[in-house]
Amino acid sequence: MRRFLKIHVPIFALLLLLFYLFYALDITCPILFLTGIPCPTCGCTRALASLLVGDIEAYLDYQPFAPVLLLSVLLMLHQRFFSKRPLYAFVFSVLILNTAYYVYRLTA
């Protein structure tokens, strides 16, 4: 448990600090801010927040892959607990699907 907290608490604190810094500077996405092009995961935070309050329409509008992307990140962070081949196949599939959706979103 100590090792878990040693790793996760600083990461969480850094993410929280970045979140407040971006909020103070009114930056919703650093990549969008720097390039003018939305990143492949733009809208994930808003999508998850909408999903938590039950606003399915807004969730689908922001980023329908948000829960699966979050699951992929969590699984990869804790990959030592899972078989590598199925885990990598799942994550690779999610990345391919999200990339296809990203290209569709940019062209639509």
PDB file of N, CA and C in Angstrom:
ATOM      1  N   MET A   1       0.821  -1.198   0.000  1.00  0.00           N
ATOM      2  CA  MET A   1       0.000   0.000   0.000  1.00  0.00           C
ATOM      3  C   MET A   1       0.863   1.258   0.000  1.00  0.00           C
ATOM      4  N   ARG A   2       1.986   1.207   0.744  1.00  0.00           N
ATOM      5  CA  ARG A   2       2.874   2.363   0.792  1.00  0.00           C
ATOM      6  C   ARG A   2       3.438   2.682  -0.581  1.00  0.00           C
ATOM      7  N   ARG A   3       3.821   1.636  -1.299  1.00  0.00           N
ATOM      8  CA  ARG A   3       4.374   1.837  -2.643  1.00  0.00           C
ATOM      9  C   ARG A   3       3.333   2.462  -3.556  1.00  0.00           C
ATOM     10  N   PHE A   4       2.093   1.993  -3.440  1.00  0.00           N
ATOM     11  CA  PHE A   4       0.984   2.528  -4.225  1.00  0.00           C
ATOM     12  C   PHE A   4       0.827   4.021  -3.952  1.00  0.00           C
ATOM     13  N   LEU A   5       0.825   4.395  -2.676  1.00  0.00           N
ATOM     14  CA  LEU A   5       0.668   5.804  -2.310  1.00  0.00           C
ATOM     15  C   LEU A   5       1.887   6.628  -2.716  1.00  0.00           C
ATOM     16  N   LYS A   6       3.088   6.048  -2.604  1.00  0.00           N
ATOM     17  CA  LYS A   6       4.298   6.753  -2.994  1.00  0.00           C
ATOM     18  C   LYS A   6       4.287   7.130  -4.464  1.00  0.00           C
ATOM     19  N   ILE A   7       3.685   6.295  -5.276  1.00  0.00           N
ATOM     20  CA  ILE A   7       3.639   6.541  -6.713  1.00  0.00           C
ATOM     21  C   ILE A   7       2.457   7.429  -7.085  1.00  0.00           C
ATOM     22  N   HIS A   8       1.289   7.129  -6.560  1.00  0.00           N
ATOM     23  CA  HIS A   8       0.067   7.784  -7.016  1.00  0.00           C
ATOM     24  C   HIS A   8      -0.187   9.161  -6.416  1.00  0.00           C
ATOM     25  N   VAL A   9       0.186   9.382  -5.186  1.00  0.00           N
ATOM     26  CA  VAL A   9      -0.077  10.680  -4.553  1.00  0.00           C
ATOM     27  C   VAL A   9       0.693  11.809  -5.243  1.00  0.00           C
ATOM     28  N   PRO A  10       1.991  11.661  -5.530  1.00  0.00           N
ATOM     29  CA  PRO A  10       2.680  12.755  -6.244  1.00  0.00           C
ATOM     30  C   PRO A  10       2.119  12.986  -7.647  1.00  0.00           C
ATOM     31  N   ILE A  11       1.767  11.916  -8.343  1.00  0.00           N
ATOM     32  CA  ILE A  11       1.196  12.075  -9.681  1.00  0.00           C
ATOM     33  C   ILE A  11      -0.133  12.819  -9.596  1.00  0.00           C
ATOM     34  N   PHE A  12      -0.962  12.428  -8.655  1.00  0.00           N
ATOM     35  CA  PHE A  12      -2.246  13.095  -8.468  1.00  0.00           C
ATOM     36  C   PHE A  12      -2.050  14.562  -8.094  1.00  0.00           C
ATOM     37  N   ALA A  13      -1.095  14.844  -7.220  1.00  0.00           N
ATOM     38  CA  ALA A  13      -0.828  16.230  -6.807  1.00  0.00           C
ATOM     39  C   ALA A  13      -0.340  17.067  -7.989  1.00  0.00           C
ATOM     40  N   LEU A  14       0.519  16.489  -8.825  1.00  0.00           N
ATOM     41  CA  LEU A  14       1.003  17.205  -9.999  1.00  0.00           C
ATOM     42  C   LEU A  14      -0.130  17.482 -10.984  1.00  0.00           C
ATOM     43  N   LEU A  15      -0.967  16.496 -11.218  1.00  0.00           N
ATOM     44  CA  LEU A  15      -2.104  16.693 -12.118  1.00  0.00           C
ATOM     45  C   LEU A  15      -3.066  17.748 -11.579  1.00  0.00           C
ATOM     46  N   LEU A  16      -3.285  17.739 -10.285  1.00  0.00           N
ATOM     47  CA  LEU A  16      -4.154  18.734  -9.667  1.00  0.00           C
ATOM     48  C   LEU A  16      -3.548  20.132  -9.802  1.00  0.00           C
ATOM     49  N   LEU A  17      -2.258  20.251  -9.602  1.00  0.00           N
ATOM     50  CA  LEU A  17      -1.567  21.532  -9.764  1.00  0.00           C
ATOM     51  C   LEU A  17      -1.676  22.022 -11.208  1.00  0.00           C
ATOM     52  N   LEU A  18      -1.454  21.137 -12.164  1.00  0.00           N
ATOM     53  CA  LEU A  18      -1.585  21.510 -13.571  1.00  0.00           C
ATOM     54  C   LEU A  18      -3.010  21.927 -13.901  1.00  0.00           C
ATOM     55  N   PHE A  19      -3.971  21.191 -13.360  1.00  0.00           N
ATOM     56  CA  PHE A  19      -5.372  21.523 -13.592  1.00  0.00           C
ATOM     57  C   PHE A  19      -5.677  22.937 -13.118  1.00  0.00           C
ATOM     58  N   TYR A  20      -5.247  23.285 -11.911  1.00  0.00           N
ATOM     59  CA  TYR A  20      -5.512  24.623 -11.386  1.00  0.00           C
ATOM     60  C   TYR A  20      -4.735  25.699 -12.143  1.00  0.00           C
ATOM     61  N   LEU A  21      -3.527  25.376 -12.586  1.00  0.00           N
ATOM     62  CA  LEU A  21      -2.756  26.323 -13.377  1.00  0.00           C
ATOM     63  C   LEU A  21      -3.452  26.601 -14.708  1.00  0.00           C
ATOM     64  N   PHE A  22      -3.872  25.543 -15.393  1.00  0.00           N
ATOM     65  CA  PHE A  22      -4.579  25.723 -16.660  1.00  0.00           C
ATOM     66  C   PHE A  22      -5.900  26.451 -16.450  1.00  0.00           C
ATOM     67  N   TYR A  23      -6.578  26.142 -15.349  1.00  0.00           N
ATOM     68  CA  TYR A  23      -7.848  26.811 -15.044  1.00  0.00           C
ATOM     69  C   TYR A  23      -7.622  28.309 -14.820  1.00  0.00           C
ATOM     70  N   ALA A  24      -6.556  28.641 -14.094  1.00  0.00           N
ATOM     71  CA  ALA A  24      -6.251  30.046 -13.813  1.00  0.00           C
ATOM     72  C   ALA A  24      -5.887  30.794 -15.094  1.00  0.00           C
ATOM     73  N   LEU A  25      -5.234  30.122 -16.021  1.00  0.00           N
ATOM     74  CA  LEU A  25      -4.850  30.747 -17.287  1.00  0.00           C
ATOM     75  C   LEU A  25      -5.917  30.594 -18.362  1.00  0.00           C
ATOM     76  N   ASP A  26      -7.039  29.972 -18.012  1.00  0.00           N
ATOM     77  CA  ASP A  26      -8.160  29.737 -18.925  1.00  0.00           C
ATOM     78  C   ASP A  26      -7.729  28.916 -20.146  1.00  0.00           C
ATOM     79  N   ILE A  27      -6.941  27.875 -19.891  1.00  0.00           N
ATOM     80  CA  ILE A  27      -6.504  26.953 -20.940  1.00  0.00           C
ATOM     81  C   ILE A  27      -7.260  25.646 -20.747  1.00  0.00           C
ATOM     82  N   THR A  28      -8.102  25.298 -21.709  1.00  0.00           N
ATOM     83  CA  THR A  28      -8.853  24.044 -21.591  1.00  0.00           C
ATOM     84  C   THR A  28      -8.035  22.853 -22.059  1.00  0.00           C
ATOM     85  N   CYS A  29      -7.195  23.053 -23.058  1.00  0.00           N
ATOM     86  CA  CYS A  29      -6.338  21.985 -23.576  1.00  0.00           C
ATOM     87  C   CYS A  29      -5.017  22.619 -24.013  1.00  0.00           C
ATOM     88  N   PRO A  30      -3.896  22.184 -23.444  1.00  0.00           N
ATOM     89  CA  PRO A  30      -2.623  22.792 -23.801  1.00  0.00           C
ATOM     90  C   PRO A  30      -2.290  22.623 -25.294  1.00  0.00           C
ATOM     91  N   ILE A  31      -2.610  21.486 -25.870  1.00  0.00           N
ATOM     92  CA  ILE A  31      -2.315  21.262 -27.282  1.00  0.00           C
ATOM     93  C   ILE A  31      -3.163  22.176 -28.148  1.00  0.00           C
ATOM     94  N   LEU A  32      -4.439  22.286 -27.832  1.00  0.00           N
ATOM     95  CA  LEU A  32      -5.315  23.193 -28.560  1.00  0.00           C
ATOM     96  C   LEU A  32      -4.842  24.637 -28.398  1.00  0.00           C
ATOM     97  N   PHE A  33      -4.406  24.986 -27.199  1.00  0.00           N
ATOM     98  CA  PHE A  33      -3.913  26.337 -26.923  1.00  0.00           C
ATOM     99  C   PHE A  33      -2.667  26.653 -27.748  1.00  0.00           C
ATOM    100  N   LEU A  34      -1.746  25.694 -27.858  1.00  0.00           N
ATOM    101  CA  LEU A  34      -0.481  25.928 -28.556  1.00  0.00           C
ATOM    102  C   LEU A  34      -0.594  25.812 -30.077  1.00  0.00           C
ATOM    103  N   THR A  35      -1.420  24.876 -30.566  1.00  0.00           N
ATOM    104  CA  THR A  35      -1.452  24.616 -32.009  1.00  0.00           C
ATOM    105  C   THR A  35      -2.730  25.072 -32.698  1.00  0.00           C
ATOM    106  N   GLY A  36      -3.793  25.227 -31.951  1.00  0.00           N
ATOM    107  CA  GLY A  36      -5.078  25.563 -32.561  1.00  0.00           C
ATOM    108  C   GLY A  36      -5.824  24.345 -33.079  1.00  0.00           C
ATOM    109  N   ILE A  37      -5.232  23.167 -32.923  1.00  0.00           N
ATOM    110  CA  ILE A  37      -5.851  21.913 -33.353  1.00  0.00           C
ATOM    111  C   ILE A  37      -6.154  21.094 -32.108  1.00  0.00           C
ATOM    112  N   PRO A  38      -7.378  20.583 -31.964  1.00  0.00           N
ATOM    113  CA  PRO A  38      -7.684  19.779 -30.781  1.00  0.00           C
ATOM    114  C   PRO A  38      -6.902  18.460 -30.771  1.00  0.00           C
ATOM    115  N   CYS A  39      -6.555  18.009 -29.598  1.00  0.00           N
ATOM    116  CA  CYS A  39      -5.830  16.748 -29.484  1.00  0.00           C
ATOM    117  C   CYS A  39      -6.823  15.574 -29.579  1.00  0.00           C
ATOM    118  N   PRO A  40      -6.333  14.354 -29.770  1.00  0.00           N
ATOM    119  CA  PRO A  40      -7.228  13.203 -29.890  1.00  0.00           C
ATOM    120  C   PRO A  40      -8.079  12.937 -28.645  1.00  0.00           C
ATOM    121  N   THR A  41      -7.654  13.437 -27.495  1.00  0.00           N
ATOM    122  CA  THR A  41      -8.428  13.202 -26.279  1.00  0.00           C
ATOM    123  C   THR A  41      -9.180  14.449 -25.802  1.00  0.00           C
ATOM    124  N   CYS A  42      -9.232  15.484 -26.633  1.00  0.00           N
ATOM    125  CA  CYS A  42      -9.958  16.689 -26.240  1.00  0.00           C
ATOM    126  C   CYS A  42     -11.404  16.354 -25.907  1.00  0.00           C
ATOM    127  N   GLY A  43     -11.852  16.843 -24.783  1.00  0.00           N
ATOM    128  CA  GLY A  43     -13.223  16.627 -24.357  1.00  0.00           C
ATOM    129  C   GLY A  43     -13.392  15.490 -23.374  1.00  0.00           C
ATOM    130  N   CYS A  44     -12.316  14.762 -23.061  1.00  0.00           N
ATOM    131  CA  CYS A  44     -12.443  13.615 -22.153  1.00  0.00           C
ATOM    132  C   CYS A  44     -12.906  14.025 -20.757  1.00  0.00           C
ATOM    133  N   THR A  45     -12.332  15.085 -20.221  1.00  0.00           N
ATOM    134  CA  THR A  45     -12.719  15.508 -18.875  1.00  0.00           C
ATOM    135  C   THR A  45     -14.179  15.946 -18.844  1.00  0.00           C
ATOM    136  N   ARG A  46     -14.575  16.748 -19.815  1.00  0.00           N
ATOM    137  CA  ARG A  46     -15.973  17.189 -19.879  1.00  0.00           C
ATOM    138  C   ARG A  46     -16.911  16.020 -20.134  1.00  0.00           C
ATOM    139  N   ALA A  47     -16.476  15.061 -20.948  1.00  0.00           N
ATOM    140  CA  ALA A  47     -17.306  13.886 -21.227  1.00  0.00           C
ATOM    141  C   ALA A  47     -17.512  13.057 -19.965  1.00  0.00           C
ATOM    142  N   LEU A  48     -16.444  12.831 -19.209  1.00  0.00           N
ATOM    143  CA  LEU A  48     -16.572  12.049 -17.976  1.00  0.00           C
ATOM    144  C   LEU A  48     -17.419  12.789 -16.940  1.00  0.00           C
ATOM    145  N   ALA A  49     -17.254  14.108 -16.859  1.00  0.00           N
ATOM    146  CA  ALA A  49     -18.080  14.893 -15.931  1.00  0.00           C
ATOM    147  C   ALA A  49     -19.546  14.824 -16.338  1.00  0.00           C
ATOM    148  N   SER A  50     -19.817  14.910 -17.627  1.00  0.00           N
ATOM    149  CA  SER A  50     -21.207  14.815 -18.111  1.00  0.00           C
ATOM    150  C   SER A  50     -21.777  13.435 -17.832  1.00  0.00           C
ATOM    151  N   LEU A  51     -20.956  12.420 -18.011  1.00  0.00           N
ATOM    152  CA  LEU A  51     -21.414  11.056 -17.747  1.00  0.00           C
ATOM    153  C   LEU A  51     -21.733  10.863 -16.267  1.00  0.00           C
ATOM    154  N   LEU A  52     -20.914  11.449 -15.403  1.00  0.00           N
ATOM    155  CA  LEU A  52     -21.154  11.316 -13.958  1.00  0.00           C
ATOM    156  C   LEU A  52     -22.459  11.964 -13.511  1.00  0.00           C
ATOM    157  N   VAL A  53     -22.875  13.033 -14.173  1.00  0.00           N
ATOM    158  CA  VAL A  53     -24.129  13.686 -13.797  1.00  0.00           C
ATOM    159  C   VAL A  53     -25.311  13.168 -14.618  1.00  0.00           C
ATOM    160  N   GLY A  54     -25.036  12.227 -15.530  1.00  0.00           N
ATOM    161  CA  GLY A  54     -26.122  11.601 -16.277  1.00  0.00           C
ATOM    162  C   GLY A  54     -26.527  12.302 -17.557  1.00  0.00           C
ATOM    163  N   ASP A  55     -25.723  13.244 -18.024  1.00  0.00           N
ATOM    164  CA  ASP A  55     -26.033  13.951 -19.267  1.00  0.00           C
ATOM    165  C   ASP A  55     -25.410  13.187 -20.436  1.00  0.00           C
ATOM    166  N   ILE A  56     -26.103  12.164 -20.901  1.00  0.00           N
ATOM    167  CA  ILE A  56     -25.583  11.275 -21.935  1.00  0.00           C
ATOM    168  C   ILE A  56     -25.367  12.009 -23.255  1.00  0.00           C
ATOM    169  N   GLU A  57     -26.256  12.913 -23.594  1.00  0.00           N
ATOM    170  CA  GLU A  57     -26.137  13.649 -24.852  1.00  0.00           C
ATOM    171  C   GLU A  57     -24.842  14.468 -24.892  1.00  0.00           C
ATOM    172  N   ALA A  58     -24.543  15.172 -23.813  1.00  0.00           N
ATOM    173  CA  ALA A  58     -23.307  15.959 -23.756  1.00  0.00           C
ATOM    174  C   ALA A  58     -22.085  15.041 -23.754  1.00  0.00           C
ATOM    175  N   TYR A  59     -22.183  13.936 -23.037  1.00  0.00           N
ATOM    176  CA  TYR A  59     -21.078  12.962 -23.001  1.00  0.00           C
ATOM    177  C   TYR A  59     -20.742  12.484 -24.406  1.00  0.00           C
ATOM    178  N   LEU A  60     -21.746  12.117 -25.175  1.00  0.00           N
ATOM    179  CA  LEU A  60     -21.524  11.636 -26.538  1.00  0.00           C
ATOM    180  C   LEU A  60     -21.005  12.749 -27.442  1.00  0.00           C
ATOM    181  N   ASP A  61     -21.406  13.964 -27.169  1.00  0.00           N
ATOM    182  CA  ASP A  61     -20.961  15.096 -27.971  1.00  0.00           C
ATOM    183  C   ASP A  61     -19.488  15.439 -27.710  1.00  0.00           C
ATOM    184  N   TYR A  62     -19.058  15.336 -26.458  1.00  0.00           N
ATOM    185  CA  TYR A  62     -17.682  15.699 -26.107  1.00  0.00           C
ATOM    186  C   TYR A  62     -16.671  14.655 -26.578  1.00  0.00           C
ATOM    187  N   GLN A  63     -16.770  13.434 -26.070  1.00  0.00           N
ATOM    188  CA  GLN A  63     -15.792  12.392 -26.405  1.00  0.00           C
ATOM    189  C   GLN A  63     -16.343  11.039 -25.956  1.00  0.00           C
ATOM    190  N   PRO A  64     -16.964  10.295 -26.876  1.00  0.00           N
ATOM    191  CA  PRO A  64     -17.580   9.028 -26.483  1.00  0.00           C
ATOM    192  C   PRO A  64     -16.578   7.947 -26.058  1.00  0.00           C
ATOM    193  N   PHE A  65     -15.305   8.109 -26.367  1.00  0.00           N
ATOM    194  CA  PHE A  65     -14.307   7.113 -25.978  1.00  0.00           C
ATOM    195  C   PHE A  65     -13.681   7.405 -24.612  1.00  0.00           C
ATOM    196  N   ALA A  66     -14.129   8.426 -23.925  1.00  0.00           N
ATOM    197  CA  ALA A  66     -13.501   8.851 -22.672  1.00  0.00           C
ATOM    198  C   ALA A  66     -13.396   7.736 -21.628  1.00  0.00           C
ATOM    199  N   PRO A  67     -14.470   7.004 -21.303  1.00  0.00           N
ATOM    200  CA  PRO A  67     -14.327   5.960 -20.278  1.00  0.00           C
ATOM    201  C   PRO A  67     -13.362   4.851 -20.697  1.00  0.00           C
ATOM    202  N   VAL A  68     -13.383   4.495 -21.968  1.00  0.00           N
ATOM    203  CA  VAL A  68     -12.506   3.426 -22.455  1.00  0.00           C
ATOM    204  C   VAL A  68     -11.053   3.897 -22.470  1.00  0.00           C
ATOM    205  N   LEU A  69     -10.829   5.159 -22.824  1.00  0.00           N
ATOM    206  CA  LEU A  69      -9.475   5.711 -22.783  1.00  0.00           C
ATOM    207  C   LEU A  69      -8.948   5.759 -21.352  1.00  0.00           C
ATOM    208  N   LEU A  70      -9.803   6.159 -20.421  1.00  0.00           N
ATOM    209  CA  LEU A  70      -9.408   6.186 -19.012  1.00  0.00           C
ATOM    210  C   LEU A  70      -9.078   4.772 -18.525  1.00  0.00           C
ATOM    211  N   LEU A  71      -9.904   3.814 -18.896  1.00  0.00           N
ATOM    212  CA  LEU A  71      -9.647   2.425 -18.523  1.00  0.00           C
ATOM    213  C   LEU A  71      -8.327   1.946 -19.107  1.00  0.00           C
ATOM    214  N   SER A  72      -8.042   2.295 -20.344  1.00  0.00           N
ATOM    215  CA  SER A  72      -6.781   1.901 -20.980  1.00  0.00           C
ATOM    216  C   SER A  72      -5.577   2.462 -20.236  1.00  0.00           C
ATOM    217  N   VAL A  73      -5.662   3.726 -19.860  1.00  0.00           N
ATOM    218  CA  VAL A  73      -4.556   4.344 -19.122  1.00  0.00           C
ATOM    219  C   VAL A  73      -4.363   3.652 -17.776  1.00  0.00           C
ATOM    220  N   LEU A  74      -5.455   3.404 -17.065  1.00  0.00           N
ATOM    221  CA  LEU A  74      -5.350   2.732 -15.761  1.00  0.00           C
ATOM    222  C   LEU A  74      -4.782   1.327 -15.900  1.00  0.00           C
ATOM    223  N   LEU A  75      -5.226   0.596 -16.912  1.00  0.00           N
ATOM    224  CA  LEU A  75      -4.707  -0.759 -17.124  1.00  0.00           C
ATOM    225  C   LEU A  75      -3.221  -0.742 -17.458  1.00  0.00           C
ATOM    226  N   MET A  76      -2.808   0.213 -18.269  1.00  0.00           N
ATOM    227  CA  MET A  76      -1.390   0.292 -18.620  1.00  0.00           C
ATOM    228  C   MET A  76      -0.525   0.704 -17.423  1.00  0.00           C
ATOM    229  N   LEU A  77      -1.066   1.547 -16.560  1.00  0.00           N
ATOM    230  CA  LEU A  77      -0.321   1.929 -15.358  1.00  0.00           C
ATOM    231  C   LEU A  77      -0.113   0.749 -14.413  1.00  0.00           C
ATOM    232  N   HIS A  78      -1.037  -0.200 -14.476  1.00  0.00           N
ATOM    233  CA  HIS A  78      -0.979  -1.367 -13.581  1.00  0.00           C
ATOM    234  C   HIS A  78      -0.864  -2.657 -14.391  1.00  0.00           C
ATOM    235  N   GLN A  79      -0.091  -2.621 -15.454  1.00  0.00           N
ATOM    236  CA  GLN A  79      -0.013  -3.748 -16.364  1.00  0.00           C
ATOM    237  C   GLN A  79       0.630  -4.985 -15.766  1.00  0.00           C
ATOM    238  N   ARG A  80       1.379  -4.835 -14.703  1.00  0.00           N
ATOM    239  CA  ARG A  80       2.020  -6.019 -14.125  1.00  0.00           C
ATOM    240  C   ARG A  80       1.004  -7.018 -13.565  1.00  0.00           C
ATOM    241  N   PHE A  81      -0.231  -6.579 -13.369  1.00  0.00           N
ATOM    242  CA  PHE A  81      -1.266  -7.462 -12.847  1.00  0.00           C
ATOM    243  C   PHE A  81      -2.029  -8.208 -13.946  1.00  0.00           C
ATOM    244  N   PHE A  82      -1.733  -7.936 -15.206  1.00  0.00           N
ATOM    245  CA  PHE A  82      -2.507  -8.492 -16.308  1.00  0.00           C
ATOM    246  C   PHE A  82      -1.595  -9.199 -17.309  1.00  0.00           C
ATOM    247  N   SER A  83      -2.198 -10.091 -18.092  1.00  0.00           N
ATOM    248  CA  SER A  83      -1.457 -10.735 -19.184  1.00  0.00           C
ATOM    249  C   SER A  83      -1.137  -9.684 -20.236  1.00  0.00           C
ATOM    250  N   LYS A  84       0.069  -9.702 -20.712  1.00  0.00           N
ATOM    251  CA  LYS A  84       0.519  -8.648 -21.622  1.00  0.00           C
ATOM    252  C   LYS A  84      -0.205  -8.659 -22.969  1.00  0.00           C
ATOM    253  N   ARG A  85      -0.297  -9.807 -23.616  1.00  0.00           N
ATOM    254  CA  ARG A  85      -0.835  -9.847 -24.976  1.00  0.00           C
ATOM    255  C   ARG A  85      -2.287  -9.352 -25.047  1.00  0.00           C
ATOM    256  N   PRO A  86      -3.218  -9.853 -24.218  1.00  0.00           N
ATOM    257  CA  PRO A  86      -4.587  -9.319 -24.294  1.00  0.00           C
ATOM    258  C   PRO A  86      -4.675  -7.845 -23.913  1.00  0.00           C
ATOM    259  N   LEU A  87      -3.869  -7.433 -22.951  1.00  0.00           N
ATOM    260  CA  LEU A  87      -3.867  -6.032 -22.528  1.00  0.00           C
ATOM    261  C   LEU A  87      -3.407  -5.133 -23.671  1.00  0.00           C
ATOM    262  N   TYR A  88      -2.316  -5.487 -24.306  1.00  0.00           N
ATOM    263  CA  TYR A  88      -1.809  -4.680 -25.414  1.00  0.00           C
ATOM    264  C   TYR A  88      -2.779  -4.683 -26.590  1.00  0.00           C
ATOM    265  N   ALA A  89      -3.423  -5.821 -26.837  1.00  0.00           N
ATOM    266  CA  ALA A  89      -4.406  -5.888 -27.925  1.00  0.00           C
ATOM    267  C   ALA A  89      -5.575  -4.955 -27.638  1.00  0.00           C
ATOM    268  N   PHE A  90      -6.034  -4.937 -26.387  1.00  0.00           N
ATOM    269  CA  PHE A  90      -7.140  -4.066 -26.003  1.00  0.00           C
ATOM    270  C   PHE A  90      -6.755  -2.598 -26.162  1.00  0.00           C
ATOM    271  N   VAL A  91      -5.609  -2.232 -25.620  1.00  0.00           N
ATOM    272  CA  VAL A  91      -5.166  -0.835 -25.661  1.00  0.00           C
ATOM    273  C   VAL A  91      -4.918  -0.400 -27.107  1.00  0.00           C
ATOM    274  N   PHE A  92      -4.303  -1.256 -27.907  1.00  0.00           N
ATOM    275  CA  PHE A  92      -4.058  -0.933 -29.303  1.00  0.00           C
ATOM    276  C   PHE A  92      -5.378  -0.735 -30.046  1.00  0.00           C
ATOM    277  N   SER A  93      -6.357  -1.587 -29.789  1.00  0.00           N
ATOM    278  CA  SER A  93      -7.678  -1.447 -30.421  1.00  0.00           C
ATOM    279  C   SER A  93      -8.339  -0.131 -30.036  1.00  0.00           C
ATOM    280  N   VAL A  94      -8.257   0.220 -28.777  1.00  0.00           N
ATOM    281  CA  VAL A  94      -8.835   1.481 -28.312  1.00  0.00           C
ATOM    282  C   VAL A  94      -8.151   2.658 -28.995  1.00  0.00           C
ATOM    283  N   LEU A  95      -6.834   2.607 -29.113  1.00  0.00           N
ATOM    284  CA  LEU A  95      -6.104   3.698 -29.763  1.00  0.00           C
ATOM    285  C   LEU A  95      -6.462   3.818 -31.239  1.00  0.00           C
ATOM    286  N   ILE A  96      -6.619   2.693 -31.913  1.00  0.00           N
ATOM    287  CA  ILE A  96      -6.992   2.716 -33.332  1.00  0.00           C
ATOM    288  C   ILE A  96      -8.392   3.306 -33.489  1.00  0.00           C
ATOM    289  N   LEU A  97      -9.334   2.853 -32.670  1.00  0.00           N
ATOM    290  CA  LEU A  97     -10.706   3.372 -32.750  1.00  0.00           C
ATOM    291  C   LEU A  97     -10.763   4.862 -32.415  1.00  0.00           C
ATOM    292  N   ASN A  98     -10.024   5.275 -31.396  1.00  0.00           N
ATOM    293  CA  ASN A  98     -10.023   6.690 -31.025  1.00  0.00           C
ATOM    294  C   ASN A  98      -9.374   7.536 -32.118  1.00  0.00           C
ATOM    295  N   THR A  99      -8.328   7.032 -32.737  1.00  0.00           N
ATOM    296  CA  THR A  99      -7.687   7.764 -33.834  1.00  0.00           C
ATOM    297  C   THR A  99      -8.641   7.915 -35.014  1.00  0.00           C
ATOM    298  N   ALA A 100      -9.372   6.849 -35.330  1.00  0.00           N
ATOM    299  CA  ALA A 100     -10.356   6.931 -36.419  1.00  0.00           C
ATOM    300  C   ALA A 100     -11.431   7.954 -36.083  1.00  0.00           C
ATOM    301  N   TYR A 101     -11.889   7.961 -34.833  1.00  0.00           N
ATOM    302  CA  TYR A 101     -12.896   8.938 -34.421  1.00  0.00           C
ATOM    303  C   TYR A 101     -12.328  10.357 -34.463  1.00  0.00           C
ATOM    304  N   TYR A 102     -11.076  10.504 -34.090  1.00  0.00           N
ATOM    305  CA  TYR A 102     -10.402  11.807 -34.110  1.00  0.00           C
ATOM    306  C   TYR A 102     -10.334  12.358 -35.542  1.00  0.00           C
ATOM    307  N   VAL A 103      -9.952  11.519 -36.484  1.00  0.00           N
ATOM    308  CA  VAL A 103      -9.882  11.945 -37.890  1.00  0.00           C
ATOM    309  C   VAL A 103     -11.270  12.322 -38.387  1.00  0.00           C
ATOM    310  N   TYR A 104     -12.268  11.516 -38.010  1.00  0.00           N
ATOM    311  CA  TYR A 104     -13.648  11.830 -38.396  1.00  0.00           C
ATOM    312  C   TYR A 104     -14.072  13.175 -37.820  1.00  0.00           C
ATOM    313  N   ARG A 105     -13.751  13.405 -36.555  1.00  0.00           N
ATOM    314  CA  ARG A 105     -14.133  14.656 -35.887  1.00  0.00           C
ATOM    315  C   ARG A 105     -13.442  15.868 -36.514  1.00  0.00           C
ATOM    316  N   LEU A 106     -12.208  15.698 -36.958  1.00  0.00           N
ATOM    317  CA  LEU A 106     -11.489  16.808 -37.593  1.00  0.00           C
ATOM    318  C   LEU A 106     -12.066  17.127 -38.975  1.00  0.00           C
ATOM    319  N   THR A 107     -12.541  16.109 -39.683  1.00  0.00           N
ATOM    320  CA  THR A 107     -13.048  16.344 -41.028  1.00  0.00           C
ATOM    321  C   THR A 107     -14.526  16.690 -41.066  1.00  0.00           C
ATOM    322  N   ALA A 108     -15.233  16.431 -39.986  1.00  0.00           N
ATOM    323  CA  ALA A 108     -16.677  16.711 -39.977  1.00  0.00           C
ATOM    324  C   ALA A 108     -16.990  18.155 -39.646  1.00  0.00           C
TER     325      ALA A 108
END
